[in-house]
């Protein structure tokens, strides 16, 4: 059993992460999709609609990719903060990322791979571990790609189901007209700058403990998921798809492709007033379906999916901003602050009511990390029989804006600070790994000494 201080040190050490985006990969994914369509046809099943043409992502955007395991866990933790009850409801949501504290290994001159414990876990929980770690790696790489593509913008990751529920009923539990379509992207990446139109990229991430052939199948499936949301014109929504291959031996590899559509811009129509992001979201009941272009004089039948048409741009930008804010306050453990940002169908009820003291968490912790004051929530648990403390939070000055519903002010200030966040992954005073993200969040862990 590895000493806990050694585990914490390794969590902060960055490694190279292998990425793969080539024309050969495009061909393999196209072939996997065609084979899947053939099998469906033989069974009398309808083939899903996929992106018309996936493309290679340039080496300038995916290359020189380095991560520390702690960065991966921070990215995963942020992504799933709204998945159920959020960090504000207890250790269970924190544990979604912290349980992988010993799953990855690497080194300054090595490529990241599964550790001995990660390989052992994969024997029992293959789908769960590969899927969740795949989220962490995919979104970390997505943020690098889009930040390099749009260096003067910030990138926010928003869970797609939560955002879509503000306008559409997705399951039988939701009130409203349902599409019955099971394909949806897992996340949206909003690339934004105050005062300018933002651009939205549907993202689908998958993972496996098998091989590259499995990743080809997963990317073909992912292509159908991102195709289910159109923003603007027919077949012009840019998107990113990922499959992280985590083999039992050797380095992990993130296979990735994209679709370079011309739309996805949430520009404000000339007849529409700009929305104040501090105001609550109006929950809508849009009829599901994507409208293709007319064929001659005849209107085409809608395709299954979800269509953000121009008259919905400002509404959708509003939804994305406030859903992102909900994820931030949930990560900091503040249920009351989170409640204000979600509609009923988005899950506001999960952040109301009593949380038992043994399982709930509240925004009641303050820590100074890497010279910045953060507020958030903490949990104590055992790592290799040693008691450790995990802390997640948001920079205090930014959190106060979110706490009071000032999303506009938060966005202006976090944008102004986008190049000032520390890049260190260890705080000597805290005595543990620390990860600070451009959205102002932090994840930290240390051995508990008292």
Protein backbone atom coordinates (compact mmCIF):
# COMPACT_ATOMS: atom_id res chain seq x y z
CA UNK A 1 0.00 0.00 0.00
CA UNK A 2 1.54 3.28 -1.13
CA UNK A 3 2.06 5.95 1.59
CA UNK A 4 -0.60 8.66 1.31
CA UNK A 5 1.90 11.57 1.07
CA UNK A 6 3.43 9.84 -1.94
CA UNK A 7 -0.01 9.46 -3.52
CA UNK A 8 -0.67 13.18 -3.11
CA UNK A 9 2.69 14.09 -4.64
CA UNK A 10 2.03 11.92 -7.68
CA UNK A 11 -1.39 13.52 -8.16
CA UNK A 12 0.30 16.87 -8.77
CA UNK A 13 2.90 15.65 -11.28
CA UNK A 14 2.08 16.37 -14.95
CA UNK A 15 2.58 13.75 -17.64
CA UNK A 16 2.35 13.67 -21.40
CA UNK A 17 -1.02 12.50 -22.67
CA UNK A 18 -1.17 10.78 -26.07
CA UNK A 19 -3.69 12.17 -28.56
CA UNK A 20 -4.70 10.73 -31.92
CA UNK A 21 -6.46 12.59 -34.74
CA UNK A 22 -5.52 11.48 -38.26
CA UNK A 23 -7.04 10.82 -41.67
CA UNK A 24 -6.64 7.10 -40.95
CA UNK A 25 -8.79 7.56 -37.85
CA UNK A 26 -11.47 9.27 -39.95
CA UNK A 27 -11.52 6.30 -42.31
CA UNK A 28 -11.71 3.78 -39.46
CA UNK A 29 -14.59 5.65 -37.81
CA UNK A 30 -16.49 5.94 -41.11
CA UNK A 31 -16.05 2.19 -41.62
CA UNK A 32 -17.24 1.45 -38.08
CA UNK A 33 -20.34 3.59 -38.63
CA UNK A 34 -21.11 1.86 -41.94
CA UNK A 35 -20.74 -1.56 -40.33
CA UNK A 36 -23.06 -0.56 -37.49
CA UNK A 37 -25.64 0.72 -39.98
CA UNK A 38 -25.44 -2.57 -41.88
CA UNK A 39 -26.06 -4.61 -38.73
CA UNK A 40 -29.01 -2.41 -37.80
CA UNK A 41 -30.53 -2.83 -41.25
CA UNK A 42 -30.19 -6.62 -40.99
CA UNK A 43 -32.13 -6.48 -37.71
CA UNK A 44 -34.79 -4.23 -39.18
CA UNK A 45 -33.65 -1.24 -37.13
CA UNK A 46 -33.30 2.33 -38.35
CA UNK A 47 -29.75 3.66 -38.49
CA UNK A 48 -29.09 6.84 -36.49
CA UNK A 49 -28.33 10.09 -38.27
CA UNK A 50 -24.61 10.87 -37.92
CA UNK A 51 -22.46 13.90 -38.62
CA UNK A 52 -22.04 14.04 -42.41
CA UNK A 53 -18.24 14.19 -42.28
CA UNK A 54 -15.93 14.04 -39.27
CA UNK A 55 -12.56 15.72 -39.72
CA UNK A 56 -9.03 15.68 -38.33
CA UNK A 57 -8.14 18.20 -35.61
CA UNK A 58 -4.84 19.95 -36.30
CA UNK A 59 -1.69 18.99 -34.45
CA UNK A 60 -1.36 22.62 -33.32
CA UNK A 61 -4.59 22.20 -31.34
CA UNK A 62 -4.19 18.70 -29.89
CA UNK A 63 -0.40 18.52 -29.59
CA UNK A 64 1.82 19.07 -26.53
CA UNK A 65 -0.96 17.94 -24.21
CA UNK A 66 0.15 17.54 -20.60
CA UNK A 67 -1.98 16.92 -17.54
CA UNK A 68 -1.56 16.00 -13.89
CA UNK A 69 -3.94 13.34 -12.55
CA UNK A 70 -5.33 16.01 -10.21
CA UNK A 71 -6.26 18.17 -13.23
CA UNK A 72 -8.25 15.25 -14.65
CA UNK A 73 -10.12 14.74 -11.37
CA UNK A 74 -10.86 18.48 -11.10
CA UNK A 75 -12.25 18.53 -14.65
CA UNK A 76 -14.36 15.45 -13.95
CA UNK A 77 -15.62 16.83 -10.64
CA UNK A 78 -16.71 20.09 -12.25
CA UNK A 79 -18.43 18.27 -15.10
CA UNK A 80 -20.59 16.09 -12.85
CA UNK A 81 -21.45 18.68 -10.18
CA UNK A 82 -25.04 18.84 -11.49
CA UNK A 83 -25.32 15.20 -12.51
CA UNK A 84 -27.46 14.26 -9.52
CA UNK A 85 -27.55 16.44 -6.44
CA UNK A 86 -24.29 18.28 -6.91
CA UNK A 87 -21.47 18.83 -4.48
CA UNK A 88 -23.87 20.70 -2.22
CA UNK A 89 -25.57 17.45 -1.24
CA UNK A 90 -22.70 15.42 0.07
CA UNK A 91 -19.63 13.30 -0.37
CA UNK A 92 -21.21 11.06 -3.00
CA UNK A 93 -20.80 13.65 -5.74
CA UNK A 94 -17.26 14.51 -4.68
CA UNK A 95 -16.47 10.83 -4.63
CA UNK A 96 -17.40 10.61 -8.31
CA UNK A 97 -13.95 12.04 -9.06
CA UNK A 98 -11.98 11.47 -5.84
CA UNK A 99 -12.39 7.69 -6.02
CA UNK A 100 -9.88 7.75 -8.88
CA UNK A 101 -7.13 9.36 -6.79
CA UNK A 102 -4.88 6.34 -7.34
CA UNK A 103 -6.08 5.24 -10.79
CA UNK A 104 -3.51 7.10 -12.93
CA UNK A 105 0.26 7.25 -13.05
CA UNK A 106 2.94 8.82 -15.23
CA UNK A 107 5.84 11.19 -14.72
CA UNK A 108 7.49 14.29 -16.11
CA UNK A 109 9.11 12.36 -18.99
CA UNK A 110 6.46 9.65 -19.37
CA UNK A 111 3.00 9.19 -20.84
CA UNK A 112 0.02 8.85 -18.52
CA UNK A 113 -1.45 5.38 -18.04
CA UNK A 114 -3.50 3.33 -15.62
CA UNK A 115 -1.76 2.57 -12.33
CA UNK A 116 -1.76 -0.89 -10.76
CA UNK A 117 -4.86 0.12 -8.77
CA UNK A 118 -6.52 1.53 -11.87
CA UNK A 119 -5.96 -1.77 -13.69
CA UNK A 120 -7.35 -3.72 -10.75
CA UNK A 121 -10.44 -1.49 -10.57
CA UNK A 122 -10.98 -1.97 -14.29
CA UNK A 123 -11.41 -5.68 -13.72
CA UNK A 124 -14.62 -4.98 -11.80
CA UNK A 125 -15.94 -1.60 -12.95
CA UNK A 126 -14.69 -1.30 -16.52
CA UNK A 127 -17.53 0.71 -18.04
CA UNK A 128 -17.87 3.06 -15.08
CA UNK A 129 -14.18 3.84 -14.72
CA UNK A 130 -13.43 4.25 -18.42
CA UNK A 131 -16.55 6.36 -18.98
CA UNK A 132 -15.90 8.73 -16.08
CA UNK A 133 -12.16 9.11 -16.64
CA UNK A 134 -12.97 9.54 -20.33
CA UNK A 135 -15.04 12.60 -19.40
CA UNK A 136 -12.12 14.14 -17.51
CA UNK A 137 -9.63 13.62 -20.33
CA UNK A 138 -12.03 14.61 -23.11
CA UNK A 139 -13.11 17.88 -21.53
CA UNK A 140 -9.57 18.84 -20.56
CA UNK A 141 -8.48 18.32 -24.17
CA UNK A 142 -11.60 20.09 -25.49
CA UNK A 143 -10.73 23.16 -23.44
CA UNK A 144 -7.18 23.14 -24.82
CA UNK A 145 -8.41 22.80 -28.41
CA UNK A 146 -10.95 25.60 -28.12
CA UNK A 147 -8.66 27.88 -26.10
CA UNK A 148 -6.01 27.59 -28.79
CA UNK A 149 -8.63 28.16 -31.48
CA UNK A 150 -10.12 31.17 -29.66
CA UNK A 151 -7.29 32.63 -27.53
CA UNK A 152 -9.24 35.79 -26.61
CA UNK A 153 -12.23 33.86 -25.24
CA UNK A 154 -13.12 31.70 -22.25
CA UNK A 155 -14.52 28.18 -22.52
CA UNK A 156 -17.34 27.00 -20.25
CA UNK A 157 -18.43 23.36 -20.09
CA UNK A 158 -22.14 22.78 -19.48
CA UNK A 159 -23.94 19.41 -19.07
CA UNK A 160 -26.13 19.11 -22.13
CA UNK A 161 -29.09 17.33 -20.54
CA UNK A 162 -29.40 20.01 -17.86
CA UNK A 163 -29.27 22.80 -20.43
CA UNK A 164 -31.70 21.15 -22.85
CA UNK A 165 -34.25 20.51 -20.11
CA UNK A 166 -34.86 24.25 -19.87
CA UNK A 167 -36.57 24.02 -23.24
CA UNK A 168 -37.44 20.41 -23.97
CA UNK A 169 -38.79 17.38 -22.13
CA UNK A 170 -36.18 14.64 -22.40
CA UNK A 171 -37.65 11.69 -20.48
CA UNK A 172 -40.99 10.42 -19.23
CA UNK A 173 -40.34 12.22 -15.92
CA UNK A 174 -40.35 15.60 -17.68
CA UNK A 175 -43.55 17.46 -18.43
CA UNK A 176 -44.01 18.57 -22.01
CA UNK A 177 -43.85 17.11 -25.54
CA UNK A 178 -41.06 14.53 -25.64
CA UNK A 179 -38.98 13.62 -28.66
CA UNK A 180 -38.41 10.00 -27.69
CA UNK A 181 -34.94 10.38 -29.23
CA UNK A 182 -32.25 8.81 -27.09
CA UNK A 183 -29.28 10.41 -28.83
CA UNK A 184 -27.97 13.58 -27.20
CA UNK A 185 -24.49 15.09 -26.69
CA UNK A 186 -23.13 14.80 -23.17
CA UNK A 187 -21.85 18.38 -22.90
CA UNK A 188 -21.85 21.79 -24.56
CA UNK A 189 -18.73 23.93 -24.71
CA UNK A 190 -19.61 27.62 -24.83
CA UNK A 191 -16.78 29.79 -26.16
CA UNK A 192 -17.55 33.30 -24.98
CA UNK A 193 -16.36 36.85 -24.43
CA UNK A 194 -18.43 39.57 -22.74
CA UNK A 195 -20.29 41.73 -25.23
CA UNK A 196 -19.80 39.35 -28.18
CA UNK A 197 -21.78 36.41 -29.59
CA UNK A 198 -20.71 33.10 -28.10
CA UNK A 199 -20.21 29.90 -30.06
CA UNK A 200 -21.44 26.51 -28.89
CA UNK A 201 -19.93 23.10 -29.59
CA UNK A 202 -21.83 19.89 -28.74
CA UNK A 203 -19.41 17.36 -27.22
CA UNK A 204 -19.68 13.60 -26.77
CA UNK A 205 -17.10 11.70 -24.73
CA UNK A 206 -16.67 7.96 -24.31
CA UNK A 207 -14.00 5.68 -22.88
CA UNK A 208 -12.92 2.06 -22.92
CA UNK A 209 -10.39 -0.38 -21.48
CA UNK A 210 -10.13 -2.29 -24.76
CA UNK A 211 -8.34 -1.11 -27.90
CA UNK A 212 -8.36 1.32 -30.81
CA UNK A 213 -11.05 -0.67 -32.64
CA UNK A 214 -13.42 -0.10 -29.73
CA UNK A 215 -12.63 3.62 -29.89
CA UNK A 216 -13.55 3.62 -33.59
CA UNK A 217 -16.97 2.18 -32.70
CA UNK A 218 -17.36 4.70 -29.88
CA UNK A 219 -16.53 7.67 -32.10
CA UNK A 220 -19.03 6.47 -34.71
CA UNK A 221 -21.66 6.34 -31.96
CA UNK A 222 -20.56 9.73 -30.62
CA UNK A 223 -21.12 11.21 -34.08
CA UNK A 224 -24.83 10.35 -33.78
CA UNK A 225 -25.05 11.95 -30.33
CA UNK A 226 -23.61 15.33 -31.35
CA UNK A 227 -25.75 15.36 -34.50
CA UNK A 228 -28.89 15.41 -32.31
CA UNK A 229 -28.51 19.14 -31.57
CA UNK A 230 -28.44 21.77 -34.31
CA UNK A 231 -27.66 25.39 -33.52
CA UNK A 232 -28.60 27.55 -36.47
CA UNK A 233 -28.45 26.20 -40.02
CA UNK A 234 -29.01 22.58 -41.00
CA UNK A 235 -25.81 20.49 -40.70
CA UNK A 236 -23.60 23.46 -39.80
CA UNK A 237 -23.17 22.99 -36.03
CA UNK A 238 -19.50 22.45 -35.08
CA UNK A 239 -18.86 19.59 -32.67
CA UNK A 240 -16.17 17.51 -30.96
CA UNK A 241 -16.13 13.76 -30.32
CA UNK A 242 -13.74 11.86 -28.06
CA UNK A 243 -12.96 8.27 -27.11
CA UNK A 244 -10.31 7.72 -24.45
CA UNK A 245 -8.59 4.35 -24.73
CA UNK A 246 -7.31 3.24 -21.31
CA UNK A 247 -5.56 -0.08 -21.97
CA UNK A 248 -4.53 -2.43 -19.19
CA UNK A 249 -0.94 -2.09 -20.42
CA UNK A 250 0.72 0.91 -21.98
CA UNK A 251 -0.21 4.62 -22.21
CA UNK A 252 -3.75 5.85 -22.60
CA UNK A 253 -4.73 7.60 -25.84
CA UNK A 254 -7.43 10.19 -26.51
CA UNK A 255 -8.86 9.61 -29.98
CA UNK A 256 -10.63 12.73 -31.22
CA UNK A 257 -12.24 14.19 -34.33
CA UNK A 258 -14.41 17.22 -35.02
CA UNK A 259 -16.96 18.63 -37.42
CA UNK A 260 -16.09 22.11 -38.61
CA UNK A 261 -19.53 23.58 -39.30
CA UNK A 262 -20.02 27.26 -40.01
CA UNK A 263 -22.74 27.89 -37.44
CA UNK A 264 -23.16 27.42 -33.69
CA UNK A 265 -23.00 31.19 -33.13
CA UNK A 266 -25.50 32.63 -30.66
CA UNK A 267 -25.72 36.02 -32.31
CA UNK A 268 -28.53 38.34 -31.25
CA UNK A 269 -31.19 38.96 -33.91
CA UNK A 270 -31.59 42.63 -34.82
CA UNK A 271 -35.15 42.59 -33.49
CA UNK A 272 -34.20 41.02 -30.14
CA UNK A 273 -33.00 42.80 -27.02
CA UNK A 274 -29.96 41.42 -25.23
CA UNK A 275 -30.93 39.39 -22.19
CA UNK A 276 -29.67 40.22 -18.72
CA UNK A 277 -28.02 37.04 -17.43
CA UNK A 278 -28.92 38.03 -13.86
CA UNK A 279 -32.60 37.34 -14.58
CA UNK A 280 -34.14 33.90 -14.11
CA UNK A 281 -34.58 31.53 -17.04
CA UNK A 282 -38.03 31.13 -18.54
CA UNK A 283 -38.70 27.40 -18.88
CA UNK A 284 -40.00 26.65 -22.37
CA UNK A 285 -41.83 23.73 -23.98
CA UNK A 286 -40.43 23.65 -27.50
CA UNK A 287 -41.66 20.91 -29.77
CA UNK A 288 -38.68 18.62 -30.47
CA UNK A 289 -37.34 18.21 -33.96
CA UNK A 290 -34.71 19.62 -36.33
CA UNK A 291 -36.05 21.35 -39.43
CA UNK A 292 -34.12 20.51 -42.64
CA UNK A 293 -34.17 22.92 -45.59
CA UNK A 294 -37.25 22.85 -47.81
CA UNK A 295 -37.18 20.66 -50.90
CA UNK A 296 -38.36 22.91 -53.67
CA UNK A 297 -41.77 24.28 -52.71
CA UNK A 298 -42.40 21.58 -50.11
CA UNK A 299 -41.35 21.83 -46.47
CA UNK A 300 -39.30 18.87 -45.28
CA UNK A 301 -40.40 16.74 -42.37
CA UNK A 302 -38.52 17.48 -39.12
CA UNK A 303 -35.75 15.08 -38.11
CA UNK A 304 -35.51 13.79 -34.51
CA UNK A 305 -33.46 16.00 -32.23
CA UNK A 306 -33.29 19.50 -30.81
CA UNK A 307 -33.03 22.69 -32.85
CA UNK A 308 -31.83 26.03 -31.46
CA UNK A 309 -33.19 28.34 -34.15
CA UNK A 310 -32.24 32.05 -34.45
CA UNK A 311 -35.20 33.30 -32.40
CA UNK A 312 -33.96 31.05 -29.56
CA UNK A 313 -30.31 32.20 -29.60
CA UNK A 314 -30.58 34.75 -26.79
CA UNK A 315 -32.67 32.36 -24.70
CA UNK A 316 -30.12 29.56 -25.15
CA UNK A 317 -27.18 31.83 -24.31
CA UNK A 318 -29.07 32.77 -21.16
CA UNK A 319 -29.63 29.09 -20.31
CA UNK A 320 -25.99 28.16 -20.83
CA UNK A 321 -24.69 31.01 -18.66
CA UNK A 322 -27.01 30.28 -15.75
CA UNK A 323 -26.56 26.52 -15.95
CA UNK A 324 -22.81 27.06 -15.84
CA UNK A 325 -23.30 29.28 -12.78
CA UNK A 326 -25.33 26.51 -11.12
CA UNK A 327 -22.46 24.11 -11.67
CA UNK A 328 -20.04 26.53 -10.01
CA UNK A 329 -22.15 27.06 -6.89
CA UNK A 330 -22.90 23.34 -6.62
CA UNK A 331 -19.18 22.58 -6.79
CA UNK A 332 -18.70 25.05 -3.93
CA UNK A 333 -21.37 23.27 -1.88
CA UNK A 334 -24.02 25.98 -1.82
CA UNK A 335 -27.47 24.50 -2.47
CA UNK A 336 -29.33 27.76 -1.90
CA UNK A 337 -27.20 29.64 -4.40
CA UNK A 338 -27.58 26.80 -6.92
CA UNK A 339 -31.36 26.72 -6.61
CA UNK A 340 -31.79 30.22 -8.11
CA UNK A 341 -30.12 29.21 -11.39
CA UNK A 342 -32.19 26.13 -12.32
CA UNK A 343 -35.74 25.64 -13.51
CA UNK A 344 -37.93 22.93 -12.02
CA UNK A 345 -37.35 20.60 -14.95
CA UNK A 346 -33.61 21.21 -14.76
CA UNK A 347 -33.59 19.82 -11.22
CA UNK A 348 -34.00 22.75 -8.84
CA UNK A 349 -35.88 20.47 -6.43
CA UNK A 350 -32.68 18.50 -5.82
CA UNK A 351 -31.22 21.57 -4.13
CA UNK A 352 -34.12 22.21 -1.75
CA UNK A 353 -35.01 20.63 1.54
CA UNK A 354 -33.05 19.08 4.34
CA UNK A 355 -29.66 17.46 3.85
CA UNK A 356 -28.72 15.07 6.64
CA UNK A 357 -25.65 16.22 8.55
CA UNK A 358 -23.86 12.94 7.90
CA UNK A 359 -24.23 13.14 4.13
CA UNK A 360 -24.80 16.76 3.22
CA UNK A 361 -22.25 19.50 2.66
CA UNK A 362 -22.61 23.24 2.87
CA UNK A 363 -20.59 26.18 1.68
CA UNK A 364 -18.90 26.83 5.00
CA UNK A 365 -15.16 26.39 4.40
CA UNK A 366 -12.55 29.01 3.53
CA UNK A 367 -9.04 28.23 2.37
CA UNK A 368 -6.19 30.33 0.99
CA UNK A 369 -4.55 28.36 -1.81
CA UNK A 370 -1.70 29.54 -4.02
CA UNK A 371 -2.26 33.03 -2.65
CA UNK A 372 -5.99 33.18 -3.51
CA UNK A 373 -8.86 33.13 -1.01
CA UNK A 374 -11.45 30.48 -1.87
CA UNK A 375 -14.77 29.54 -0.30
CA UNK A 376 -16.39 26.16 -0.70
CA UNK A 377 -16.98 22.84 0.98
CA UNK A 378 -14.74 20.10 2.34
CA UNK A 379 -14.93 16.41 3.17
CA UNK A 380 -12.75 14.14 5.27
CA UNK A 381 -12.22 10.50 4.34
CA UNK A 382 -9.52 7.84 4.43
CA UNK A 383 -6.98 7.25 1.68
CA UNK A 384 -4.88 4.15 2.33
CA UNK A 385 -5.96 4.26 6.00
CA UNK A 386 -4.80 7.87 6.36
CA UNK A 387 -7.34 10.64 6.96
CA UNK A 388 -7.31 13.22 4.18
CA UNK A 389 -9.28 16.39 3.53
CA UNK A 390 -10.62 17.35 0.10
CA UNK A 391 -11.71 20.93 -0.59
CA UNK A 392 -13.64 22.26 -3.60
CA UNK A 393 -14.59 25.88 -4.05
CA UNK A 394 -14.61 29.12 -6.00
CA UNK A 395 -12.48 32.25 -5.58
CA UNK A 396 -14.28 34.18 -2.85
CA UNK A 397 -14.77 37.47 -4.68
CA UNK A 398 -16.21 35.65 -7.70
CA UNK A 399 -18.36 33.39 -5.54
CA UNK A 400 -19.98 36.40 -3.83
CA UNK A 401 -21.23 37.56 -7.23
CA UNK A 402 -22.69 34.11 -7.96
CA UNK A 403 -24.18 33.86 -4.48
CA UNK A 404 -26.07 37.11 -5.07
CA UNK A 405 -27.16 36.17 -8.61
CA UNK A 406 -24.75 38.56 -10.33
CA UNK A 407 -23.86 36.41 -13.33
CA UNK A 408 -23.04 39.38 -15.55
CA UNK A 409 -20.52 40.71 -13.03
CA UNK A 410 -19.01 37.25 -12.50
CA UNK A 411 -18.50 36.82 -16.23
CA UNK A 412 -16.86 40.21 -16.69
CA UNK A 413 -14.48 39.68 -13.79
CA UNK A 414 -13.54 36.07 -14.50
CA UNK A 415 -12.88 37.03 -18.12
CA UNK A 416 -10.60 39.88 -17.02
CA UNK A 417 -8.62 37.40 -14.88
CA UNK A 418 -8.38 34.65 -17.50
CA UNK A 419 -4.57 34.89 -17.82
CA UNK A 420 -3.78 35.48 -14.13
CA UNK A 421 -4.63 32.14 -12.51
CA UNK A 422 -1.68 30.22 -11.01
CA UNK A 423 -0.39 27.18 -12.90
CA UNK A 424 1.29 25.55 -9.88
CA UNK A 425 -0.17 22.17 -8.91
CA UNK A 426 1.20 22.04 -5.36
CA UNK A 427 0.79 24.42 -2.43
CA UNK A 428 3.56 24.00 0.15
CA UNK A 429 1.59 25.72 2.90
CA UNK A 430 -1.49 23.59 2.22
CA UNK A 431 0.80 20.55 1.75
CA UNK A 432 -1.08 18.94 -1.06
CA UNK A 433 -2.12 19.00 -4.74
CA UNK A 434 -4.10 22.02 -5.93
CA UNK A 435 -5.81 22.56 -9.29
CA UNK A 436 -7.15 26.01 -10.23
CA UNK A 437 -9.29 26.39 -13.36
CA UNK A 438 -9.95 29.44 -15.52
CA UNK A 439 -13.55 29.52 -14.23
CA UNK A 440 -12.24 30.38 -10.74
CA UNK A 441 -12.78 26.93 -9.20
CA UNK A 442 -10.28 24.95 -7.18
CA UNK A 443 -9.87 21.34 -6.06
CA UNK A 444 -7.33 20.54 -3.34
CA UNK A 445 -6.45 17.64 -1.05
CA UNK A 446 -4.07 17.11 1.88
CA UNK A 447 -3.35 14.78 4.76
CA UNK A 448 -5.41 15.80 7.77
CA UNK A 449 -3.06 16.61 10.63
CA UNK A 450 -5.57 17.38 13.37
